[in-house]
Amino acid sequence: MERTRTFTDKFFLILKGIAMGAANKVPGVSGGVVAFVAGFYEEFIYSLKKINLDAFKLLTSGRFKSFYNYINGPFLSLLFLGVIISYFSISKVLDYLITHFKLYVWSVFFGMIIGSIYYILKDFKSWNYKTYSTLIIGGLLGIAISYLNPAKENDNLWFVFFCGIISVSGMTLPGLSGSFILILLGNYVLLLVDSVNALYNTFYELFRGNYSFIENTERLRMLKVLIIFTVGSITGLVTFSHALSYILKHYKNITLSLISGFIIGSLGVVWPWKKTMYKINEAGSYLIDSRGHKIIENYNRFMPELNNETYYAITFIIFGITIVLALEWYAQKTSK
């Protein structure tokens, strides 16, 4: 799968990584969908699969260049560079937009999911009772997941490691949102907001020559949480990639229909018209976690009224569909 890439190819691969990282940050949206639609999903899984015992032997024997080429390093390094850039830039922009323009942001992602469903199914010809069955099963699982109630936050390091393994499912399995799974596990704010902000603030202070964070026990705890979460994520990436590579090789049509079902089911998660319901006590006050964040109970979805705000939201849904179609057009153009 390795191939010579031009500067333009490398630039757009970084952009794809940025899009993948941003999608992973948003509950209900899967970075794997970006990989699928942008045309690099199979190369992504193939490259991760190459991180195996042979790669470890090359690394420990000091053959770093051979190791880098063996795991398709030029591809993975550029892609993950984009993901890292996203987590410290685009993700913060998304946090702001979701806070101030929630309806329109969800509308864009809802449109992108619809576009992704069209992209995956438009050329799928292998319909039979098995693929129809897995499509339905995938859809039902996606819907069921979207209606589960979130758990309480848990910063136990073993649980954080498990969250890391689970959270990367959105990068390797299109339609299954890792960030939404973290909400259900109760650790979305801890792992994708607070810990990332702690690392960002630490880098900012280091850049200014400020080392006071060394005496900040809460900051050090958050950095430890982030490190364990990252290790878990890497473990999950490698593990899932090996399993998916085998499944795609031997059961490709069934896997694609299951993925399609997941994506269809995830429409309920990104439905733009919903209200966040928070847990309250008998006195009517919000329940908060250890750092003052309101605890989410569930999401109340509703049908919108026809007004200007709804029309704007529909426009953004169309815009989201257009983004996916544009990605598809670009992927087809570059593959020729």
C-alpha atoms as a PDB file:
ATOM      1  CA  MET A   1       0.000   0.000   0.000  1.00  0.00           C
ATOM      2  CA  GLU A   2       3.004   2.308   0.291  1.00  0.00           C
ATOM      3  CA  ARG A   3       3.305   4.773  -2.554  1.00  0.00           C
ATOM      4  CA  THR A   4       5.171   7.942  -3.423  1.00  0.00           C
ATOM      5  CA  ARG A   5       3.254  11.020  -2.287  1.00  0.00           C
ATOM      6  CA  THR A   6       3.535  14.524  -3.683  1.00  0.00           C
ATOM      7  CA  PHE A   7       3.581  17.591  -1.453  1.00  0.00           C
ATOM      8  CA  THR A   8      -0.116  18.099  -2.211  1.00  0.00           C
ATOM      9  CA  ASP A   9      -0.866  14.506  -1.189  1.00  0.00           C
ATOM     10  CA  LYS A  10       0.983  15.023   2.094  1.00  0.00           C
ATOM     11  CA  PHE A  11      -0.798  18.310   2.769  1.00  0.00           C
ATOM     12  CA  PHE A  12      -4.230  16.795   2.171  1.00  0.00           C
ATOM     13  CA  LEU A  13      -3.342  13.757   4.288  1.00  0.00           C
ATOM     14  CA  ILE A  14      -2.624  16.096   7.212  1.00  0.00           C
ATOM     15  CA  LEU A  15      -5.991  17.800   6.548  1.00  0.00           C
ATOM     16  CA  LYS A  16      -7.674  14.381   6.602  1.00  0.00           C
ATOM     17  CA  GLY A  17      -6.014  13.714   9.952  1.00  0.00           C
ATOM     18  CA  ILE A  18      -7.324  17.054  11.232  1.00  0.00           C
ATOM     19  CA  ALA A  19     -10.833  16.129  10.053  1.00  0.00           C
ATOM     20  CA  MET A  20     -10.500  12.674  11.631  1.00  0.00           C
ATOM     21  CA  GLY A  21      -9.384  14.137  14.965  1.00  0.00           C
ATOM     22  CA  ALA A  22     -12.171  16.718  14.965  1.00  0.00           C
ATOM     23  CA  ALA A  23     -14.760  14.027  14.187  1.00  0.00           C
ATOM     24  CA  ASN A  24     -13.461  11.838  17.028  1.00  0.00           C
ATOM     25  CA  LYS A  25     -13.945  14.735  19.449  1.00  0.00           C
ATOM     26  CA  VAL A  26     -17.633  15.214  18.615  1.00  0.00           C
ATOM     27  CA  PRO A  27     -20.077  12.815  20.323  1.00  0.00           C
ATOM     28  CA  GLY A  28     -21.998  10.841  17.719  1.00  0.00           C
ATOM     29  CA  VAL A  29     -19.497  11.351  14.912  1.00  0.00           C
ATOM     30  CA  SER A  30     -16.939   8.699  13.978  1.00  0.00           C
ATOM     31  CA  GLY A  31     -13.456   9.486  12.712  1.00  0.00           C
ATOM     32  CA  GLY A  32     -13.639   6.182  10.884  1.00  0.00           C
ATOM     33  CA  VAL A  33     -16.385   7.655   8.696  1.00  0.00           C
ATOM     34  CA  VAL A  34     -13.950  10.364   7.597  1.00  0.00           C
ATOM     35  CA  ALA A  35     -11.367   7.683   6.763  1.00  0.00           C
ATOM     36  CA  PHE A  36     -13.990   5.683   4.866  1.00  0.00           C
ATOM     37  CA  VAL A  37     -15.363   8.567   2.821  1.00  0.00           C
ATOM     38  CA  ALA A  38     -11.972  10.186   2.170  1.00  0.00           C
ATOM     39  CA  GLY A  39     -10.729   6.899   0.715  1.00  0.00           C
ATOM     40  CA  PHE A  40      -7.930   5.933   3.106  1.00  0.00           C
ATOM     41  CA  TYR A  41      -9.732   3.559   5.506  1.00  0.00           C
ATOM     42  CA  GLU A  42      -8.226   0.305   4.206  1.00  0.00           C
ATOM     43  CA  GLU A  43      -4.698   1.772   4.073  1.00  0.00           C
ATOM     44  CA  PHE A  44      -5.207   3.040   7.632  1.00  0.00           C
ATOM     45  CA  ILE A  45      -6.213  -0.412   8.912  1.00  0.00           C
ATOM     46  CA  TYR A  46      -3.446  -2.089   6.882  1.00  0.00           C
ATOM     47  CA  SER A  47      -0.806   0.271   8.294  1.00  0.00           C
ATOM     48  CA  LEU A  48      -1.911  -0.235  11.891  1.00  0.00           C
ATOM     49  CA  LYS A  49      -1.882  -3.990  11.337  1.00  0.00           C
ATOM     50  CA  LYS A  50       1.831  -3.740  10.484  1.00  0.00           C
ATOM     51  CA  ILE A  51       2.530  -2.719  14.090  1.00  0.00           C
ATOM     52  CA  ASN A  52       3.254  -6.286  15.139  1.00  0.00           C
ATOM     53  CA  LEU A  53       6.012  -8.518  16.495  1.00  0.00           C
ATOM     54  CA  ASP A  54       8.137  -8.113  13.350  1.00  0.00           C
ATOM     55  CA  ALA A  55       7.917  -4.324  13.689  1.00  0.00           C
ATOM     56  CA  PHE A  56       8.913  -4.597  17.364  1.00  0.00           C
ATOM     57  CA  LYS A  57      11.972  -6.672  16.428  1.00  0.00           C
ATOM     58  CA  LEU A  58      13.051  -4.039  13.893  1.00  0.00           C
ATOM     59  CA  LEU A  59      12.610  -1.313  16.496  1.00  0.00           C
ATOM     60  CA  THR A  60      14.513  -3.060  19.295  1.00  0.00           C
ATOM     61  CA  SER A  61      17.376  -3.990  16.937  1.00  0.00           C
ATOM     62  CA  GLY A  62      17.897  -0.311  16.110  1.00  0.00           C
ATOM     63  CA  ARG A  63      16.723  -0.561  12.490  1.00  0.00           C
ATOM     64  CA  PHE A  64      14.585   2.556  12.813  1.00  0.00           C
ATOM     65  CA  LYS A  65      14.335   3.351   9.099  1.00  0.00           C
ATOM     66  CA  SER A  66      13.255  -0.202   8.290  1.00  0.00           C
ATOM     67  CA  PHE A  67      10.725  -0.039  11.136  1.00  0.00           C
ATOM     68  CA  TYR A  68       9.385   3.297   9.863  1.00  0.00           C
ATOM     69  CA  ASN A  69       8.940   1.984   6.333  1.00  0.00           C
ATOM     70  CA  TYR A  70       7.554  -1.372   7.489  1.00  0.00           C
ATOM     71  CA  ILE A  71       4.641   0.214   9.364  1.00  0.00           C
ATOM     72  CA  ASN A  72       3.971   2.653   6.498  1.00  0.00           C
ATOM     73  CA  GLY A  73       5.368   5.454   8.646  1.00  0.00           C
ATOM     74  CA  PRO A  74       5.116   8.206   5.999  1.00  0.00           C
ATOM     75  CA  PHE A  75       1.343   7.665   5.938  1.00  0.00           C
ATOM     76  CA  LEU A  76       0.731   7.191   9.672  1.00  0.00           C
ATOM     77  CA  SER A  77       2.997  10.053  10.774  1.00  0.00           C
ATOM     78  CA  LEU A  78       1.265  12.608   8.545  1.00  0.00           C
ATOM     79  CA  LEU A  79      -2.184  11.348   9.470  1.00  0.00           C
ATOM     80  CA  PHE A  80      -1.536  11.416  13.214  1.00  0.00           C
ATOM     81  CA  LEU A  81       0.161  14.796  12.906  1.00  0.00           C
ATOM     82  CA  GLY A  82      -3.173  16.061  11.621  1.00  0.00           C
ATOM     83  CA  VAL A  83      -5.010  14.351  14.499  1.00  0.00           C
ATOM     84  CA  ILE A  84      -2.681  15.974  17.064  1.00  0.00           C
ATOM     85  CA  ILE A  85      -3.034  19.397  15.427  1.00  0.00           C
ATOM     86  CA  SER A  86      -6.797  18.940  15.535  1.00  0.00           C
ATOM     87  CA  TYR A  87      -6.870  18.132  19.238  1.00  0.00           C
ATOM     88  CA  PHE A  88      -5.095  21.378  20.104  1.00  0.00           C
ATOM     89  CA  SER A  89      -6.726  23.686  17.553  1.00  0.00           C
ATOM     90  CA  ILE A  90      -9.806  22.542  15.649  1.00  0.00           C
ATOM     91  CA  SER A  91     -11.141  20.739  18.721  1.00  0.00           C
ATOM     92  CA  LYS A  92     -11.080  23.976  20.715  1.00  0.00           C
ATOM     93  CA  VAL A  93     -12.886  25.751  17.888  1.00  0.00           C
ATOM     94  CA  LEU A  94     -15.467  22.952  17.890  1.00  0.00           C
ATOM     95  CA  ASP A  95     -15.898  23.312  21.658  1.00  0.00           C
ATOM     96  CA  TYR A  96     -16.688  27.007  21.118  1.00  0.00           C
ATOM     97  CA  LEU A  97     -19.030  26.386  18.194  1.00  0.00           C
ATOM     98  CA  ILE A  98     -20.927  23.623  20.002  1.00  0.00           C
ATOM     99  CA  THR A  99     -21.341  25.928  23.011  1.00  0.00           C
ATOM    100  CA  HIS A 100     -22.627  28.911  21.010  1.00  0.00           C
ATOM    101  CA  PHE A 101     -24.084  27.396  17.816  1.00  0.00           C
ATOM    102  CA  LYS A 102     -25.046  23.901  18.935  1.00  0.00           C
ATOM    103  CA  LEU A 103     -28.007  23.396  16.589  1.00  0.00           C
ATOM    104  CA  TYR A 104     -26.075  24.353  13.468  1.00  0.00           C
ATOM    105  CA  VAL A 105     -22.993  22.281  14.365  1.00  0.00           C
ATOM    106  CA  TRP A 106     -25.133  19.196  14.956  1.00  0.00           C
ATOM    107  CA  SER A 107     -26.935  19.917  11.684  1.00  0.00           C
ATOM    108  CA  VAL A 108     -23.661  19.877   9.747  1.00  0.00           C
ATOM    109  CA  PHE A 109     -22.660  16.565  11.305  1.00  0.00           C
ATOM    110  CA  PHE A 110     -26.131  15.126  10.722  1.00  0.00           C
ATOM    111  CA  GLY A 111     -25.744  16.009   7.047  1.00  0.00           C
ATOM    112  CA  MET A 112     -22.286  14.441   6.968  1.00  0.00           C
ATOM    113  CA  ILE A 113     -23.671  11.192   8.382  1.00  0.00           C
ATOM    114  CA  ILE A 114     -26.405  11.147   5.701  1.00  0.00           C
ATOM    115  CA  GLY A 115     -23.772  11.777   3.031  1.00  0.00           C
ATOM    116  CA  SER A 116     -21.625   8.976   4.462  1.00  0.00           C
ATOM    117  CA  ILE A 117     -24.523   6.522   4.296  1.00  0.00           C
ATOM    118  CA  TYR A 118     -25.052   7.428   0.641  1.00  0.00           C
ATOM    119  CA  TYR A 119     -21.332   7.053  -0.087  1.00  0.00           C
ATOM    120  CA  ILE A 120     -21.044   3.593   1.459  1.00  0.00           C
ATOM    121  CA  LEU A 121     -24.258   2.150   0.036  1.00  0.00           C
ATOM    122  CA  LYS A 122     -24.307   3.660  -3.475  1.00  0.00           C
ATOM    123  CA  ASP A 123     -21.959   1.060  -4.979  1.00  0.00           C
ATOM    124  CA  PHE A 124     -22.771  -1.823  -2.641  1.00  0.00           C
ATOM    125  CA  LYS A 125     -24.148  -4.650  -4.789  1.00  0.00           C
ATOM    126  CA  SER A 126     -23.795  -7.713  -2.539  1.00  0.00           C
ATOM    127  CA  TRP A 127     -27.253  -7.655  -0.995  1.00  0.00           C
ATOM    128  CA  ASN A 128     -28.547 -10.966   0.376  1.00  0.00           C
ATOM    129  CA  TYR A 129     -30.201 -12.172   3.562  1.00  0.00           C
ATOM    130  CA  LYS A 130     -26.863 -12.059   5.459  1.00  0.00           C
ATOM    131  CA  THR A 131     -26.021  -8.465   4.531  1.00  0.00           C
ATOM    132  CA  TYR A 132     -29.612  -7.291   5.075  1.00  0.00           C
ATOM    133  CA  SER A 133     -29.583  -8.979   8.482  1.00  0.00           C
ATOM    134  CA  THR A 134     -26.284  -7.392   9.556  1.00  0.00           C
ATOM    135  CA  LEU A 135     -27.485  -4.005   8.265  1.00  0.00           C
ATOM    136  CA  ILE A 136     -30.527  -4.260  10.532  1.00  0.00           C
ATOM    137  CA  ILE A 137     -28.464  -5.544  13.468  1.00  0.00           C
ATOM    138  CA  GLY A 138     -25.963  -2.687  13.055  1.00  0.00           C
ATOM    139  CA  GLY A 139     -28.796  -0.150  12.914  1.00  0.00           C
ATOM    140  CA  LEU A 140     -30.487  -1.540  16.023  1.00  0.00           C
ATOM    141  CA  LEU A 141     -27.199  -1.557  17.943  1.00  0.00           C
ATOM    142  CA  GLY A 142     -26.532   2.046  16.911  1.00  0.00           C
ATOM    143  CA  ILE A 143     -30.003   3.120  18.038  1.00  0.00           C
ATOM    144  CA  ALA A 144     -29.739   1.170  21.307  1.00  0.00           C
ATOM    145  CA  ILE A 145     -26.384   2.772  22.132  1.00  0.00           C
ATOM    146  CA  SER A 146     -27.804   6.254  21.464  1.00  0.00           C
ATOM    147  CA  TYR A 147     -30.497   5.762  24.131  1.00  0.00           C
ATOM    148  CA  LEU A 148     -28.277   4.437  26.919  1.00  0.00           C
ATOM    149  CA  ASN A 149     -27.933   6.665  29.988  1.00  0.00           C
ATOM    150  CA  PRO A 150     -24.454   8.033  30.833  1.00  0.00           C
ATOM    151  CA  ALA A 151     -22.576   6.604  33.821  1.00  0.00           C
ATOM    152  CA  LYS A 152     -20.771   8.621  36.500  1.00  0.00           C
ATOM    153  CA  GLU A 153     -17.222   9.859  35.988  1.00  0.00           C
ATOM    154  CA  ASN A 154     -14.508   7.436  37.068  1.00  0.00           C
ATOM    155  CA  ASP A 155     -10.804   8.415  37.135  1.00  0.00           C
ATOM    156  CA  ASN A 156      -9.492   5.021  38.238  1.00  0.00           C
ATOM    157  CA  LEU A 157      -6.434   4.498  36.045  1.00  0.00           C
ATOM    158  CA  TRP A 158      -7.390   0.954  35.010  1.00  0.00           C
ATOM    159  CA  PHE A 159     -10.796   2.229  33.949  1.00  0.00           C
ATOM    160  CA  VAL A 160      -9.143   5.148  32.128  1.00  0.00           C
ATOM    161  CA  PHE A 161      -6.958   2.638  30.264  1.00  0.00           C
ATOM    162  CA  PHE A 162     -10.094   0.686  29.304  1.00  0.00           C
ATOM    163  CA  CYS A 163     -11.718   3.945  28.126  1.00  0.00           C
ATOM    164  CA  GLY A 164      -8.694   4.539  25.896  1.00  0.00           C
ATOM    165  CA  ILE A 165      -9.113   1.123  24.279  1.00  0.00           C
ATOM    166  CA  ILE A 166     -12.833   1.678  23.712  1.00  0.00           C
ATOM    167  CA  SER A 167     -12.592   5.310  22.579  1.00  0.00           C
ATOM    168  CA  VAL A 168     -10.491   4.543  19.486  1.00  0.00           C
ATOM    169  CA  SER A 169     -13.267   2.320  18.161  1.00  0.00           C
ATOM    170  CA  GLY A 170     -14.530   5.420  16.365  1.00  0.00           C
ATOM    171  CA  MET A 171     -11.274   5.651  14.393  1.00  0.00           C
ATOM    172  CA  THR A 172     -11.262   2.010  13.329  1.00  0.00           C
ATOM    173  CA  LEU A 173     -14.981   1.213  13.102  1.00  0.00           C
ATOM    174  CA  PRO A 174     -17.001   3.778  11.110  1.00  0.00           C
ATOM    175  CA  GLY A 175     -20.368   4.560  12.669  1.00  0.00           C
ATOM    176  CA  LEU A 176     -19.356   3.814  16.260  1.00  0.00           C
ATOM    177  CA  SER A 177     -18.559   7.118  17.962  1.00  0.00           C
ATOM    178  CA  GLY A 178     -15.732   6.753  20.467  1.00  0.00           C
ATOM    179  CA  SER A 179     -16.493  10.112  22.075  1.00  0.00           C
ATOM    180  CA  PHE A 180     -20.148   9.173  22.554  1.00  0.00           C
ATOM    181  CA  ILE A 181     -19.034   5.888  24.137  1.00  0.00           C
ATOM    182  CA  LEU A 182     -16.951   7.977  26.557  1.00  0.00           C
ATOM    183  CA  ILE A 183     -20.093   9.936  27.452  1.00  0.00           C
ATOM    184  CA  LEU A 184     -21.871   6.672  28.219  1.00  0.00           C
ATOM    185  CA  LEU A 185     -18.882   5.591  30.338  1.00  0.00           C
ATOM    186  CA  GLY A 186     -19.048   8.948  32.147  1.00  0.00           C
ATOM    187  CA  ASN A 187     -15.529  10.084  31.206  1.00  0.00           C
ATOM    188  CA  TYR A 188     -15.968  12.347  28.156  1.00  0.00           C
ATOM    189  CA  VAL A 189     -15.281  15.600  30.044  1.00  0.00           C
ATOM    190  CA  LEU A 190     -12.417  14.049  32.022  1.00  0.00           C
ATOM    191  CA  LEU A 191     -10.577  12.562  29.035  1.00  0.00           C
ATOM    192  CA  LEU A 192     -11.394  14.786  26.058  1.00  0.00           C
ATOM    193  CA  VAL A 193     -11.820  18.160  27.753  1.00  0.00           C
ATOM    194  CA  ASP A 194     -10.149  18.496  31.144  1.00  0.00           C
ATOM    195  CA  SER A 195      -7.065  16.346  30.504  1.00  0.00           C
ATOM    196  CA  VAL A 196      -6.467  17.845  27.038  1.00  0.00           C
ATOM    197  CA  ASN A 197      -6.841  21.354  28.470  1.00  0.00           C
ATOM    198  CA  ALA A 198      -4.385  20.417  31.235  1.00  0.00           C
ATOM    199  CA  LEU A 199      -1.800  19.374  28.652  1.00  0.00           C
ATOM    200  CA  TYR A 200      -2.462  22.504  26.573  1.00  0.00           C
ATOM    201  CA  ASN A 201      -2.027  24.743  29.635  1.00  0.00           C
ATOM    202  CA  THR A 202       1.151  22.890  30.617  1.00  0.00           C
ATOM    203  CA  PHE A 203       2.710  23.424  27.190  1.00  0.00           C
ATOM    204  CA  TYR A 204       1.685  27.077  27.301  1.00  0.00           C
ATOM    205  CA  GLU A 205       3.317  27.562  30.713  1.00  0.00           C
ATOM    206  CA  LEU A 206       6.475  25.723  29.651  1.00  0.00           C
ATOM    207  CA  PHE A 207       6.743  27.953  26.585  1.00  0.00           C
ATOM    208  CA  ARG A 208       6.673  30.973  28.893  1.00  0.00           C
ATOM    209  CA  GLY A 209       9.252  29.444  31.255  1.00  0.00           C
ATOM    210  CA  ASN A 210       6.689  28.786  34.006  1.00  0.00           C
ATOM    211  CA  TYR A 211       7.245  25.469  35.840  1.00  0.00           C
ATOM    212  CA  SER A 212       4.713  25.978  38.624  1.00  0.00           C
ATOM    213  CA  PHE A 213       2.588  23.075  37.351  1.00  0.00           C
ATOM    214  CA  ILE A 214       5.125  20.716  39.012  1.00  0.00           C
ATOM    215  CA  GLU A 215       3.612  21.683  42.377  1.00  0.00           C
ATOM    216  CA  ASN A 216       0.025  21.531  41.091  1.00  0.00           C
ATOM    217  CA  THR A 217      -1.224  18.117  42.240  1.00  0.00           C
ATOM    218  CA  GLU A 218      -4.479  18.389  40.280  1.00  0.00           C
ATOM    219  CA  ARG A 219      -2.591  19.234  37.066  1.00  0.00           C
ATOM    220  CA  LEU A 220      -0.194  16.326  37.559  1.00  0.00           C
ATOM    221  CA  ARG A 221      -3.129  13.999  38.193  1.00  0.00           C
ATOM    222  CA  MET A 222      -4.786  15.100  34.959  1.00  0.00           C
ATOM    223  CA  LEU A 223      -1.549  14.612  33.006  1.00  0.00           C
ATOM    224  CA  LYS A 224      -1.210  11.106  34.464  1.00  0.00           C
ATOM    225  CA  VAL A 225      -4.807  10.377  33.415  1.00  0.00           C
ATOM    226  CA  LEU A 226      -4.046  11.621  29.887  1.00  0.00           C
ATOM    227  CA  ILE A 227      -0.914   9.459  29.608  1.00  0.00           C
ATOM    228  CA  ILE A 228      -2.800   6.307  30.669  1.00  0.00           C
ATOM    229  CA  PHE A 229      -5.660   7.187  28.315  1.00  0.00           C
ATOM    230  CA  THR A 230      -3.182   7.631  25.443  1.00  0.00           C
ATOM    231  CA  VAL A 231      -1.517   4.274  26.156  1.00  0.00           C
ATOM    232  CA  GLY A 232      -4.944   2.636  26.188  1.00  0.00           C
ATOM    233  CA  SER A 233      -5.838   4.321  22.900  1.00  0.00           C
ATOM    234  CA  ILE A 234      -2.654   3.066  21.208  1.00  0.00           C
ATOM    235  CA  THR A 235      -3.336  -0.429  22.533  1.00  0.00           C
ATOM    236  CA  GLY A 236      -6.878  -0.279  21.193  1.00  0.00           C
ATOM    237  CA  LEU A 237      -5.781   1.006  17.793  1.00  0.00           C
ATOM    238  CA  VAL A 238      -3.345  -1.838  17.254  1.00  0.00           C
ATOM    239  CA  THR A 239      -5.705  -4.491  18.634  1.00  0.00           C
ATOM    240  CA  PHE A 240      -8.757  -3.352  16.666  1.00  0.00           C
ATOM    241  CA  SER A 241      -6.745  -2.963  13.471  1.00  0.00           C
ATOM    242  CA  HIS A 242      -5.588  -6.584  13.542  1.00  0.00           C
ATOM    243  CA  ALA A 243      -9.111  -7.839  14.174  1.00  0.00           C
ATOM    244  CA  LEU A 244     -10.672  -5.590  11.521  1.00  0.00           C
ATOM    245  CA  SER A 245      -8.023  -6.458   8.949  1.00  0.00           C
ATOM    246  CA  TYR A 246      -8.902 -10.138   9.328  1.00  0.00           C
ATOM    247  CA  ILE A 247     -12.645  -9.453   9.272  1.00  0.00           C
ATOM    248  CA  LEU A 248     -12.445  -7.200   6.213  1.00  0.00           C
ATOM    249  CA  LYS A 249     -10.382  -9.798   4.383  1.00  0.00           C
ATOM    250  CA  HIS A 250     -12.722 -12.720   5.069  1.00  0.00           C
ATOM    251  CA  TYR A 251     -16.128 -11.059   5.613  1.00  0.00           C
ATOM    252  CA  LYS A 252     -15.906  -7.758   3.734  1.00  0.00           C
ATOM    253  CA  ASN A 253     -19.527  -7.504   2.529  1.00  0.00           C
ATOM    254  CA  ILE A 254     -21.012  -8.431   5.893  1.00  0.00           C
ATOM    255  CA  THR A 255     -18.657  -5.983   7.625  1.00  0.00           C
ATOM    256  CA  LEU A 256     -19.607  -3.165   5.258  1.00  0.00           C
ATOM    257  CA  SER A 257     -23.327  -3.789   5.792  1.00  0.00           C
ATOM    258  CA  LEU A 258     -22.802  -3.858   9.569  1.00  0.00           C
ATOM    259  CA  ILE A 259     -20.840  -0.589   9.396  1.00  0.00           C
ATOM    260  CA  SER A 260     -23.635   0.939   7.314  1.00  0.00           C
ATOM    261  CA  GLY A 261     -26.136  -0.122   9.963  1.00  0.00           C
ATOM    262  CA  PHE A 262     -24.022   1.454  12.709  1.00  0.00           C
ATOM    263  CA  ILE A 263     -23.887   4.715  10.774  1.00  0.00           C
ATOM    264  CA  ILE A 264     -27.633   4.716  10.141  1.00  0.00           C
ATOM    265  CA  GLY A 265     -28.255   4.008  13.834  1.00  0.00           C
ATOM    266  CA  SER A 266     -25.919   6.844  14.844  1.00  0.00           C
ATOM    267  CA  LEU A 267     -28.268   9.371  13.219  1.00  0.00           C
ATOM    268  CA  GLY A 268     -30.169   9.306  16.494  1.00  0.00           C
ATOM    269  CA  VAL A 269     -27.064  10.441  18.376  1.00  0.00           C
ATOM    270  CA  VAL A 270     -26.426  13.445  16.117  1.00  0.00           C
ATOM    271  CA  TRP A 271     -30.087  14.428  15.651  1.00  0.00           C
ATOM    272  CA  PRO A 272     -29.760  18.242  15.762  1.00  0.00           C
ATOM    273  CA  TRP A 273     -32.938  18.973  17.699  1.00  0.00           C
ATOM    274  CA  LYS A 274     -32.288  17.738  21.220  1.00  0.00           C
ATOM    275  CA  LYS A 275     -31.934  19.097  24.721  1.00  0.00           C
ATOM    276  CA  THR A 276     -29.328  17.904  27.191  1.00  0.00           C
ATOM    277  CA  MET A 277     -30.978  16.673  30.371  1.00  0.00           C
ATOM    278  CA  TYR A 278     -28.909  16.959  33.543  1.00  0.00           C
ATOM    279  CA  LYS A 279     -29.325  15.038  36.779  1.00  0.00           C
ATOM    280  CA  ILE A 280     -30.992  17.011  39.567  1.00  0.00           C
ATOM    281  CA  ASN A 281     -31.616  16.300  43.225  1.00  0.00           C
ATOM    282  CA  GLU A 282     -34.886  16.515  45.165  1.00  0.00           C
ATOM    283  CA  ALA A 283     -34.318  20.232  45.778  1.00  0.00           C
ATOM    284  CA  GLY A 284     -34.159  20.844  42.046  1.00  0.00           C
ATOM    285  CA  SER A 285     -30.421  21.618  41.949  1.00  0.00           C
ATOM    286  CA  TYR A 286     -28.042  20.182  39.340  1.00  0.00           C
ATOM    287  CA  LEU A 287     -25.801  17.317  40.410  1.00  0.00           C
ATOM    288  CA  ILE A 288     -22.147  18.065  39.660  1.00  0.00           C
ATOM    289  CA  ASP A 289     -18.975  15.998  39.544  1.00  0.00           C
ATOM    290  CA  SER A 290     -15.757  16.595  41.489  1.00  0.00           C
ATOM    291  CA  ARG A 291     -14.686  19.451  39.206  1.00  0.00           C
ATOM    292  CA  GLY A 292     -17.995  21.273  39.040  1.00  0.00           C
ATOM    293  CA  HIS A 293     -19.343  19.874  35.747  1.00  0.00           C
ATOM    294  CA  LYS A 294     -23.065  19.164  35.560  1.00  0.00           C
ATOM    295  CA  ILE A 295     -23.750  15.431  35.238  1.00  0.00           C
ATOM    296  CA  ILE A 296     -25.635  14.455  32.063  1.00  0.00           C
ATOM    297  CA  GLU A 297     -28.597  12.123  32.481  1.00  0.00           C
ATOM    298  CA  ASN A 298     -29.780  11.757  28.880  1.00  0.00           C
ATOM    299  CA  TYR A 299     -30.812  13.669  25.746  1.00  0.00           C
ATOM    300  CA  ASN A 300     -34.392  14.679  24.981  1.00  0.00           C
ATOM    301  CA  ARG A 301     -34.915  14.601  21.178  1.00  0.00           C
ATOM    302  CA  PHE A 302     -37.856  16.431  19.587  1.00  0.00           C
ATOM    303  CA  MET A 303     -39.274  17.431  16.214  1.00  0.00           C
ATOM    304  CA  PRO A 304     -38.575  21.083  15.331  1.00  0.00           C
ATOM    305  CA  GLU A 305     -41.085  23.800  14.567  1.00  0.00           C
ATOM    306  CA  LEU A 306     -40.934  25.373  11.118  1.00  0.00           C
ATOM    307  CA  ASN A 307     -39.233  28.714  11.635  1.00  0.00           C
ATOM    308  CA  ASN A 308     -36.127  30.580  10.439  1.00  0.00           C
ATOM    309  CA  GLU A 309     -33.861  28.717  12.849  1.00  0.00           C
ATOM    310  CA  THR A 310     -35.073  25.380  11.488  1.00  0.00           C
ATOM    311  CA  TYR A 311     -34.597  26.519   7.893  1.00  0.00           C
ATOM    312  CA  TYR A 312     -31.030  27.576   8.712  1.00  0.00           C
ATOM    313  CA  ALA A 313     -30.435  24.169  10.326  1.00  0.00           C
ATOM    314  CA  ILE A 314     -31.715  22.388   7.212  1.00  0.00           C
ATOM    315  CA  THR A 315     -29.331  24.506   5.146  1.00  0.00           C
ATOM    316  CA  PHE A 316     -26.451  23.354   7.327  1.00  0.00           C
ATOM    317  CA  ILE A 317     -27.589  19.728   6.913  1.00  0.00           C
ATOM    318  CA  ILE A 318     -27.341  20.189   3.144  1.00  0.00           C
ATOM    319  CA  PHE A 319     -23.915  21.762   3.661  1.00  0.00           C
ATOM    320  CA  GLY A 320     -22.817  18.685   5.637  1.00  0.00           C
ATOM    321  CA  ILE A 321     -23.955  16.387   2.817  1.00  0.00           C
ATOM    322  CA  THR A 322     -22.053  18.564   0.346  1.00  0.00           C
ATOM    323  CA  ILE A 323     -18.839  18.226   2.389  1.00  0.00           C
ATOM    324  CA  VAL A 324     -18.990  14.426   2.142  1.00  0.00           C
ATOM    325  CA  LEU A 325     -19.764  14.492  -1.579  1.00  0.00           C
ATOM    326  CA  ALA A 326     -16.822  16.857  -2.095  1.00  0.00           C
ATOM    327  CA  LEU A 327     -14.542  14.472  -0.170  1.00  0.00           C
ATOM    328  CA  GLU A 328     -15.776  11.611  -2.328  1.00  0.00           C
ATOM    329  CA  TRP A 329     -15.114  13.605  -5.497  1.00  0.00           C
ATOM    330  CA  TYR A 330     -11.592  14.447  -4.306  1.00  0.00           C
ATOM    331  CA  ALA A 331     -10.859  10.816  -3.367  1.00  0.00           C
ATOM    332  CA  GLN A 332     -11.969   9.618  -6.809  1.00  0.00           C
ATOM    333  CA  LYS A 333      -9.952  12.331  -8.562  1.00  0.00           C
ATOM    334  CA  THR A 334      -6.712  11.562  -6.685  1.00  0.00           C
ATOM    335  CA  SER A 335      -7.095   7.795  -7.185  1.00  0.00           C
ATOM    336  CA  LYS A 336      -7.058   8.119 -11.004  1.00  0.00           C
END
